[in-house]
Amino acid sequence: MARRFGGGAFRFGIRRRGRRDVLTTAVLIAVFGGLLALYRPLNDGPARWSPRTPLDEHIPLVVEMVIPYISVLALGPFTLVFFLLTSARLARSALVAGIVLLIVAYPFYIFAQTHVARPEVTGEDVFSKLLRLVYGGDNAYNCFPSLHTGFSVILAVYWLRHRRRAGRYVAAWCVLIVASTLFVHQHYIPDMAAGLAAGSVACWVGLRFMGRPPAQVSERPSSP
């Protein structure tokens, strides 16, 4: 294990890339960060339609699912840093996928805004308190498509691409994240389905636009 994550594990990271690769990566990070900054200004409504289905009415509130729901806020940044250190090319491809996902989602948030009816959370346990914090920090708009679901698809696909064994565990956790969007009543079933579709399209574009990253052993640093 130590050998696997020794110096050799970082030979394809951003520190071993040429200036052009570093600049491209920096631009992608800036674009991605800029798009993320637009999320909050768009999260104010008004709602123009509701994708709620009869099945959504039967989904119970499971406050414990707030843990996988909020975990994406840590898993996403960790994944980006890990990929930058170990495979800069894969990191750029994942950034492109993230950018595409946001570009797909934002027109809906601007022109076809939706709203989720949230339940009142009255418990005093730690999970209920965390869920009230989520509700308080994120307005009940920007629901269709679900970005939590879309980013979970990207995380699962790219981890499976990068490290198959670890990727299985990450993908399994991402399934929990997707499910949590329904069980904490942050999204409806169509939001989740649209997130799955948007995330899949984003991965396809990311992998094609940057070129499918070859096996790690075949990567070589570009010349400065």
C-alpha atoms as a PDB file:
ATOM      1  CA  MET A   1       0.000   0.000   0.000  1.00  0.00           C
ATOM      2  CA  ALA A   2       2.777   2.406   0.888  1.00  0.00           C
ATOM      3  CA  ARG A   3       4.511   1.690  -2.400  1.00  0.00           C
ATOM      4  CA  ARG A   4       1.284   2.215  -4.317  1.00  0.00           C
ATOM      5  CA  PHE A   5       0.813   5.649  -2.802  1.00  0.00           C
ATOM      6  CA  GLY A   6       4.469   6.564  -2.759  1.00  0.00           C
ATOM      7  CA  GLY A   7       6.163   8.997  -5.099  1.00  0.00           C
ATOM      8  CA  GLY A   8       5.206   6.934  -8.144  1.00  0.00           C
ATOM      9  CA  ALA A   9       1.503   7.469  -7.486  1.00  0.00           C
ATOM     10  CA  PHE A  10       1.953  11.198  -8.110  1.00  0.00           C
ATOM     11  CA  ARG A  11       4.056  11.032 -11.276  1.00  0.00           C
ATOM     12  CA  PHE A  12       1.026  11.929 -13.427  1.00  0.00           C
ATOM     13  CA  GLY A  13      -0.145  14.702 -11.137  1.00  0.00           C
ATOM     14  CA  ILE A  14      -0.273  18.400 -11.893  1.00  0.00           C
ATOM     15  CA  ARG A  15       3.213  18.983 -10.423  1.00  0.00           C
ATOM     16  CA  ARG A  16       4.719  16.864 -13.221  1.00  0.00           C
ATOM     17  CA  ARG A  17       2.811  18.576 -16.034  1.00  0.00           C
ATOM     18  CA  GLY A  18       4.032  21.246 -18.396  1.00  0.00           C
ATOM     19  CA  ARG A  19       2.970  24.892 -18.298  1.00  0.00           C
ATOM     20  CA  ARG A  20       0.296  24.428 -20.959  1.00  0.00           C
ATOM     21  CA  ASP A  21      -1.393  21.652 -19.005  1.00  0.00           C
ATOM     22  CA  VAL A  22      -1.196  23.658 -15.795  1.00  0.00           C
ATOM     23  CA  LEU A  23      -2.717  26.708 -17.488  1.00  0.00           C
ATOM     24  CA  THR A  24      -5.527  24.649 -19.034  1.00  0.00           C
ATOM     25  CA  THR A  25      -6.299  23.102 -15.664  1.00  0.00           C
ATOM     26  CA  ALA A  26      -6.310  26.508 -13.957  1.00  0.00           C
ATOM     27  CA  VAL A  27      -8.729  27.898 -16.551  1.00  0.00           C
ATOM     28  CA  LEU A  28     -11.075  24.940 -16.122  1.00  0.00           C
ATOM     29  CA  ILE A  29     -11.017  25.348 -12.328  1.00  0.00           C
ATOM     30  CA  ALA A  30     -11.786  29.059 -12.709  1.00  0.00           C
ATOM     31  CA  VAL A  31     -14.696  28.404 -15.093  1.00  0.00           C
ATOM     32  CA  PHE A  32     -16.086  25.672 -12.863  1.00  0.00           C
ATOM     33  CA  GLY A  33     -15.790  27.848  -9.763  1.00  0.00           C
ATOM     34  CA  GLY A  34     -17.409  30.776 -11.553  1.00  0.00           C
ATOM     35  CA  LEU A  35     -20.361  28.651 -12.606  1.00  0.00           C
ATOM     36  CA  LEU A  36     -20.768  27.284  -9.084  1.00  0.00           C
ATOM     37  CA  ALA A  37     -20.909  30.864  -7.797  1.00  0.00           C
ATOM     38  CA  LEU A  38     -24.033  31.412  -9.906  1.00  0.00           C
ATOM     39  CA  TYR A  39     -25.953  28.728  -8.020  1.00  0.00           C
ATOM     40  CA  ARG A  40     -27.035  30.884  -5.080  1.00  0.00           C
ATOM     41  CA  PRO A  41     -28.315  33.882  -7.107  1.00  0.00           C
ATOM     42  CA  LEU A  42     -30.479  31.458  -9.110  1.00  0.00           C
ATOM     43  CA  ASN A  43     -31.835  29.755  -5.983  1.00  0.00           C
ATOM     44  CA  ASP A  44     -34.607  32.246  -5.210  1.00  0.00           C
ATOM     45  CA  GLY A  45     -37.497  31.277  -7.454  1.00  0.00           C
ATOM     46  CA  PRO A  46     -40.188  31.908  -8.352  1.00  0.00           C
ATOM     47  CA  ALA A  47     -41.251  28.363  -9.116  1.00  0.00           C
ATOM     48  CA  ARG A  48     -42.842  27.939 -12.538  1.00  0.00           C
ATOM     49  CA  TRP A  49     -43.789  24.257 -12.381  1.00  0.00           C
ATOM     50  CA  SER A  50     -43.601  21.213 -10.127  1.00  0.00           C
ATOM     51  CA  PRO A  51     -42.318  17.784 -11.189  1.00  0.00           C
ATOM     52  CA  ARG A  52     -43.882  16.096  -8.149  1.00  0.00           C
ATOM     53  CA  THR A  53     -45.345  12.645  -8.859  1.00  0.00           C
ATOM     54  CA  PRO A  54     -47.786  10.503  -6.874  1.00  0.00           C
ATOM     55  CA  LEU A  55     -44.882   8.246  -5.914  1.00  0.00           C
ATOM     56  CA  ASP A  56     -43.120  11.155  -4.233  1.00  0.00           C
ATOM     57  CA  GLU A  57     -45.998  11.415  -1.771  1.00  0.00           C
ATOM     58  CA  HIS A  58     -45.133   7.958  -0.407  1.00  0.00           C
ATOM     59  CA  ILE A  59     -41.410   8.547   0.162  1.00  0.00           C
ATOM     60  CA  PRO A  60     -40.812   8.885   3.913  1.00  0.00           C
ATOM     61  CA  LEU A  61     -38.541  11.447   5.498  1.00  0.00           C
ATOM     62  CA  VAL A  62     -35.401   9.653   6.725  1.00  0.00           C
ATOM     63  CA  VAL A  63     -33.358  12.244   8.595  1.00  0.00           C
ATOM     64  CA  GLU A  64     -30.335   9.919   8.872  1.00  0.00           C
ATOM     65  CA  MET A  65     -29.907  10.176   5.110  1.00  0.00           C
ATOM     66  CA  VAL A  66     -28.706  13.729   5.607  1.00  0.00           C
ATOM     67  CA  ILE A  67     -25.231  12.237   6.177  1.00  0.00           C
ATOM     68  CA  PRO A  68     -24.728  10.923   2.627  1.00  0.00           C
ATOM     69  CA  TYR A  69     -26.521  14.019   1.315  1.00  0.00           C
ATOM     70  CA  ILE A  70     -24.025  16.471   2.830  1.00  0.00           C
ATOM     71  CA  SER A  71     -21.057  14.168   2.244  1.00  0.00           C
ATOM     72  CA  VAL A  72     -20.887  15.227  -1.408  1.00  0.00           C
ATOM     73  CA  LEU A  73     -19.678  18.622  -0.177  1.00  0.00           C
ATOM     74  CA  ALA A  74     -16.523  16.904   1.082  1.00  0.00           C
ATOM     75  CA  LEU A  75     -16.228  14.102  -1.477  1.00  0.00           C
ATOM     76  CA  GLY A  76     -16.282  16.498  -4.423  1.00  0.00           C
ATOM     77  CA  PRO A  77     -13.361  18.749  -3.348  1.00  0.00           C
ATOM     78  CA  PHE A  78     -11.389  15.740  -2.070  1.00  0.00           C
ATOM     79  CA  THR A  79     -11.803  14.004  -5.432  1.00  0.00           C
ATOM     80  CA  LEU A  80     -10.631  17.049  -7.371  1.00  0.00           C
ATOM     81  CA  VAL A  81      -7.525  17.463  -5.208  1.00  0.00           C
ATOM     82  CA  PHE A  82      -6.756  13.734  -5.358  1.00  0.00           C
ATOM     83  CA  PHE A  83      -7.095  13.660  -9.142  1.00  0.00           C
ATOM     84  CA  LEU A  84      -4.946  16.787  -9.502  1.00  0.00           C
ATOM     85  CA  LEU A  85      -2.217  15.085  -7.485  1.00  0.00           C
ATOM     86  CA  THR A  86      -2.419  11.702  -9.187  1.00  0.00           C
ATOM     87  CA  SER A  87      -3.844  12.231 -12.695  1.00  0.00           C
ATOM     88  CA  ALA A  88      -4.036  15.787 -13.990  1.00  0.00           C
ATOM     89  CA  ARG A  89      -5.548  14.643 -17.274  1.00  0.00           C
ATOM     90  CA  LEU A  90      -8.381  12.854 -15.495  1.00  0.00           C
ATOM     91  CA  ALA A  91      -8.899  15.915 -13.306  1.00  0.00           C
ATOM     92  CA  ARG A  92      -9.309  18.116 -16.394  1.00  0.00           C
ATOM     93  CA  SER A  93     -11.754  15.660 -17.908  1.00  0.00           C
ATOM     94  CA  ALA A  94     -13.793  15.603 -14.680  1.00  0.00           C
ATOM     95  CA  LEU A  95     -13.791  19.413 -14.571  1.00  0.00           C
ATOM     96  CA  VAL A  96     -15.160  19.530 -18.113  1.00  0.00           C
ATOM     97  CA  ALA A  97     -17.889  17.096 -17.056  1.00  0.00           C
ATOM     98  CA  GLY A  98     -18.748  19.309 -14.080  1.00  0.00           C
ATOM     99  CA  ILE A  99     -18.910  22.391 -16.291  1.00  0.00           C
ATOM    100  CA  VAL A 100     -21.199  20.630 -18.774  1.00  0.00           C
ATOM    101  CA  LEU A 101     -23.491  19.496 -15.946  1.00  0.00           C
ATOM    102  CA  LEU A 102     -23.893  23.073 -14.707  1.00  0.00           C
ATOM    103  CA  ILE A 103     -24.441  24.406 -18.229  1.00  0.00           C
ATOM    104  CA  VAL A 104     -27.208  21.836 -18.708  1.00  0.00           C
ATOM    105  CA  ALA A 105     -28.844  22.579 -15.342  1.00  0.00           C
ATOM    106  CA  TYR A 106     -28.779  26.363 -15.245  1.00  0.00           C
ATOM    107  CA  PRO A 107     -31.262  27.028 -18.091  1.00  0.00           C
ATOM    108  CA  PHE A 108     -33.828  25.055 -16.094  1.00  0.00           C
ATOM    109  CA  TYR A 109     -33.035  27.071 -12.961  1.00  0.00           C
ATOM    110  CA  ILE A 110     -33.442  30.314 -14.936  1.00  0.00           C
ATOM    111  CA  PHE A 111     -36.413  29.591 -17.214  1.00  0.00           C
ATOM    112  CA  ALA A 112     -38.184  26.563 -15.673  1.00  0.00           C
ATOM    113  CA  GLN A 113     -37.606  26.952 -11.943  1.00  0.00           C
ATOM    114  CA  THR A 114     -39.096  24.297  -9.655  1.00  0.00           C
ATOM    115  CA  HIS A 115     -39.791  24.051  -5.927  1.00  0.00           C
ATOM    116  CA  VAL A 116     -39.857  21.180  -3.431  1.00  0.00           C
ATOM    117  CA  ALA A 117     -42.363  21.183  -0.571  1.00  0.00           C
ATOM    118  CA  ARG A 118     -40.298  20.372   2.515  1.00  0.00           C
ATOM    119  CA  PRO A 119     -41.674  18.833   5.692  1.00  0.00           C
ATOM    120  CA  GLU A 120     -41.260  20.424   9.095  1.00  0.00           C
ATOM    121  CA  VAL A 121     -38.355  18.796  10.944  1.00  0.00           C
ATOM    122  CA  THR A 122     -38.966  18.955  14.699  1.00  0.00           C
ATOM    123  CA  GLY A 123     -36.572  16.376  16.145  1.00  0.00           C
ATOM    124  CA  GLU A 124     -33.679  17.351  18.391  1.00  0.00           C
ATOM    125  CA  ASP A 125     -31.336  14.521  17.380  1.00  0.00           C
ATOM    126  CA  VAL A 126     -28.155  15.339  15.488  1.00  0.00           C
ATOM    127  CA  PHE A 127     -29.585  14.216  12.142  1.00  0.00           C
ATOM    128  CA  SER A 128     -32.640  16.455  12.462  1.00  0.00           C
ATOM    129  CA  LYS A 129     -30.457  19.391  13.417  1.00  0.00           C
ATOM    130  CA  LEU A 130     -28.195  18.780  10.414  1.00  0.00           C
ATOM    131  CA  LEU A 131     -31.195  18.574   8.100  1.00  0.00           C
ATOM    132  CA  ARG A 132     -32.548  21.869   9.423  1.00  0.00           C
ATOM    133  CA  LEU A 133     -29.149  23.389   8.645  1.00  0.00           C
ATOM    134  CA  VAL A 134     -29.384  22.031   5.095  1.00  0.00           C
ATOM    135  CA  TYR A 135     -32.871  23.487   4.694  1.00  0.00           C
ATOM    136  CA  GLY A 136     -31.727  26.795   6.146  1.00  0.00           C
ATOM    137  CA  GLY A 137     -28.705  27.073   3.868  1.00  0.00           C
ATOM    138  CA  ASP A 138     -30.305  25.940   0.612  1.00  0.00           C
ATOM    139  CA  ASN A 139     -33.598  27.361  -0.621  1.00  0.00           C
ATOM    140  CA  ALA A 140     -36.115  24.857  -1.941  1.00  0.00           C
ATOM    141  CA  TYR A 141     -35.506  25.816  -5.584  1.00  0.00           C
ATOM    142  CA  ASN A 142     -32.917  24.689  -8.192  1.00  0.00           C
ATOM    143  CA  CYS A 143     -34.423  21.216  -7.995  1.00  0.00           C
ATOM    144  CA  PHE A 144     -34.701  19.987 -11.602  1.00  0.00           C
ATOM    145  CA  PRO A 145     -32.277  18.512 -12.492  1.00  0.00           C
ATOM    146  CA  SER A 146     -30.685  17.433  -9.219  1.00  0.00           C
ATOM    147  CA  LEU A 147     -27.058  18.590  -9.080  1.00  0.00           C
ATOM    148  CA  HIS A 148     -26.423  16.248  -6.144  1.00  0.00           C
ATOM    149  CA  THR A 149     -27.396  13.377  -8.425  1.00  0.00           C
ATOM    150  CA  GLY A 150     -25.486  14.691 -11.433  1.00  0.00           C
ATOM    151  CA  PHE A 151     -22.285  15.213  -9.484  1.00  0.00           C
ATOM    152  CA  SER A 152     -22.674  11.779  -7.866  1.00  0.00           C
ATOM    153  CA  VAL A 153     -22.751  10.223 -11.339  1.00  0.00           C
ATOM    154  CA  ILE A 154     -19.578  12.106 -12.284  1.00  0.00           C
ATOM    155  CA  LEU A 155     -17.814  11.106  -9.064  1.00  0.00           C
ATOM    156  CA  ALA A 156     -18.759   7.452  -9.485  1.00  0.00           C
ATOM    157  CA  VAL A 157     -17.766   7.262 -13.157  1.00  0.00           C
ATOM    158  CA  TYR A 158     -14.440   9.002 -12.717  1.00  0.00           C
ATOM    159  CA  TRP A 159     -13.438   7.095  -9.600  1.00  0.00           C
ATOM    160  CA  LEU A 160     -14.216   3.842 -11.386  1.00  0.00           C
ATOM    161  CA  ARG A 161     -12.108   5.108 -14.281  1.00  0.00           C
ATOM    162  CA  HIS A 162      -9.209   6.085 -12.019  1.00  0.00           C
ATOM    163  CA  ARG A 163      -9.032   3.261  -9.473  1.00  0.00           C
ATOM    164  CA  ARG A 164     -11.398   0.386 -10.093  1.00  0.00           C
ATOM    165  CA  ARG A 165     -11.230  -1.141  -6.604  1.00  0.00           C
ATOM    166  CA  ALA A 166     -11.649   2.101  -4.669  1.00  0.00           C
ATOM    167  CA  GLY A 167     -14.111   3.273  -7.294  1.00  0.00           C
ATOM    168  CA  ARG A 168     -16.542   0.494  -6.392  1.00  0.00           C
ATOM    169  CA  TYR A 169     -16.788   1.805  -2.835  1.00  0.00           C
ATOM    170  CA  VAL A 170     -17.122   5.403  -3.997  1.00  0.00           C
ATOM    171  CA  ALA A 171     -19.787   4.410  -6.515  1.00  0.00           C
ATOM    172  CA  ALA A 172     -21.729   2.530  -3.829  1.00  0.00           C
ATOM    173  CA  TRP A 173     -21.603   5.620  -1.610  1.00  0.00           C
ATOM    174  CA  CYS A 174     -22.730   7.759  -4.539  1.00  0.00           C
ATOM    175  CA  VAL A 175     -25.801   5.547  -4.865  1.00  0.00           C
ATOM    176  CA  LEU A 176     -26.599   6.465  -1.253  1.00  0.00           C
ATOM    177  CA  ILE A 177     -26.137  10.144  -2.084  1.00  0.00           C
ATOM    178  CA  VAL A 178     -28.572   9.856  -4.977  1.00  0.00           C
ATOM    179  CA  ALA A 179     -31.117   8.064  -2.788  1.00  0.00           C
ATOM    180  CA  SER A 180     -30.667  10.661  -0.053  1.00  0.00           C
ATOM    181  CA  THR A 181     -31.925  13.429  -2.345  1.00  0.00           C
ATOM    182  CA  LEU A 182     -35.360  11.811  -2.116  1.00  0.00           C
ATOM    183  CA  PHE A 183     -35.316  10.684   1.501  1.00  0.00           C
ATOM    184  CA  VAL A 184     -34.367  14.099   2.874  1.00  0.00           C
ATOM    185  CA  HIS A 185     -37.050  15.638   0.619  1.00  0.00           C
ATOM    186  CA  GLN A 186     -34.702  17.903  -1.255  1.00  0.00           C
ATOM    187  CA  HIS A 187     -35.806  16.525  -4.637  1.00  0.00           C
ATOM    188  CA  TYR A 188     -38.574  14.676  -6.405  1.00  0.00           C
ATOM    189  CA  ILE A 189     -38.139  11.526  -8.489  1.00  0.00           C
ATOM    190  CA  PRO A 190     -38.051  13.428 -11.836  1.00  0.00           C
ATOM    191  CA  ASP A 191     -35.323  15.691 -10.400  1.00  0.00           C
ATOM    192  CA  MET A 192     -33.254  12.626  -9.613  1.00  0.00           C
ATOM    193  CA  ALA A 193     -33.917  11.040 -13.026  1.00  0.00           C
ATOM    194  CA  ALA A 194     -32.957  14.258 -14.813  1.00  0.00           C
ATOM    195  CA  GLY A 195     -29.809  14.455 -12.683  1.00  0.00           C
ATOM    196  CA  LEU A 196     -28.855  10.923 -13.695  1.00  0.00           C
ATOM    197  CA  ALA A 197     -29.342  11.799 -17.362  1.00  0.00           C
ATOM    198  CA  ALA A 198     -27.488  15.119 -17.116  1.00  0.00           C
ATOM    199  CA  GLY A 199     -24.600  13.540 -15.207  1.00  0.00           C
ATOM    200  CA  SER A 200     -24.303  10.755 -17.762  1.00  0.00           C
ATOM    201  CA  VAL A 201     -24.236  13.228 -20.651  1.00  0.00           C
ATOM    202  CA  ALA A 202     -21.667  15.333 -18.806  1.00  0.00           C
ATOM    203  CA  CYS A 203     -19.394  12.316 -18.321  1.00  0.00           C
ATOM    204  CA  TRP A 204     -19.705  11.397 -21.995  1.00  0.00           C
ATOM    205  CA  VAL A 205     -18.758  14.927 -23.064  1.00  0.00           C
ATOM    206  CA  GLY A 206     -15.933  15.169 -20.534  1.00  0.00           C
ATOM    207  CA  LEU A 207     -14.346  11.909 -21.616  1.00  0.00           C
ATOM    208  CA  ARG A 208     -14.734  12.678 -25.325  1.00  0.00           C
ATOM    209  CA  PHE A 209     -13.678  16.346 -25.174  1.00  0.00           C
ATOM    210  CA  MET A 210     -10.465  15.617 -23.289  1.00  0.00           C
ATOM    211  CA  GLY A 211      -9.958  12.249 -24.914  1.00  0.00           C
ATOM    212  CA  ARG A 212     -10.399   9.100 -22.906  1.00  0.00           C
ATOM    213  CA  PRO A 213      -7.555   9.135 -20.382  1.00  0.00           C
ATOM    214  CA  PRO A 214      -5.230   6.264 -21.253  1.00  0.00           C
ATOM    215  CA  ALA A 215      -3.998   3.810 -18.671  1.00  0.00           C
ATOM    216  CA  GLN A 216      -1.837   5.534 -16.100  1.00  0.00           C
ATOM    217  CA  VAL A 217       1.263   3.687 -17.198  1.00  0.00           C
ATOM    218  CA  SER A 218       1.106   5.270 -20.655  1.00  0.00           C
ATOM    219  CA  GLU A 219       0.818   8.911 -19.524  1.00  0.00           C
ATOM    220  CA  ARG A 220       3.879  11.079 -20.006  1.00  0.00           C
ATOM    221  CA  PRO A 221       4.500  14.610 -18.831  1.00  0.00           C
ATOM    222  CA  SER A 222       4.036  17.139 -21.604  1.00  0.00           C
ATOM    223  CA  SER A 223       7.018  19.261 -22.471  1.00  0.00           C
ATOM    224  CA  PRO A 224       7.108  22.700 -20.836  1.00  0.00           C
END
